[in-house]
């Protein structure tokens, strides 16, 4: 996902101290991806809920000792 697709974030991110930008971008990418799963495309409600459940399990794995390696989770670990 290109962060540049969402117009306001790239502009506002320059207001952050440089040291925080990569972490905030990682959180933003995760949030945008989860939001897109919830309300973009033609997936059924059941498919959307299943995908979001997968995101929830990935966050639990990050909190534990088994972080996932795929996008957008690797940057959060």
Foldseek 3Di string as FASTA:
>chain_A
DDPVVDPPVVVVLVVDDPVCSLVVVLVVQLVVVLVCLCDPDDDDNVSSVVVNVVVVVQVVCVVPPHHDCDPSGVSND
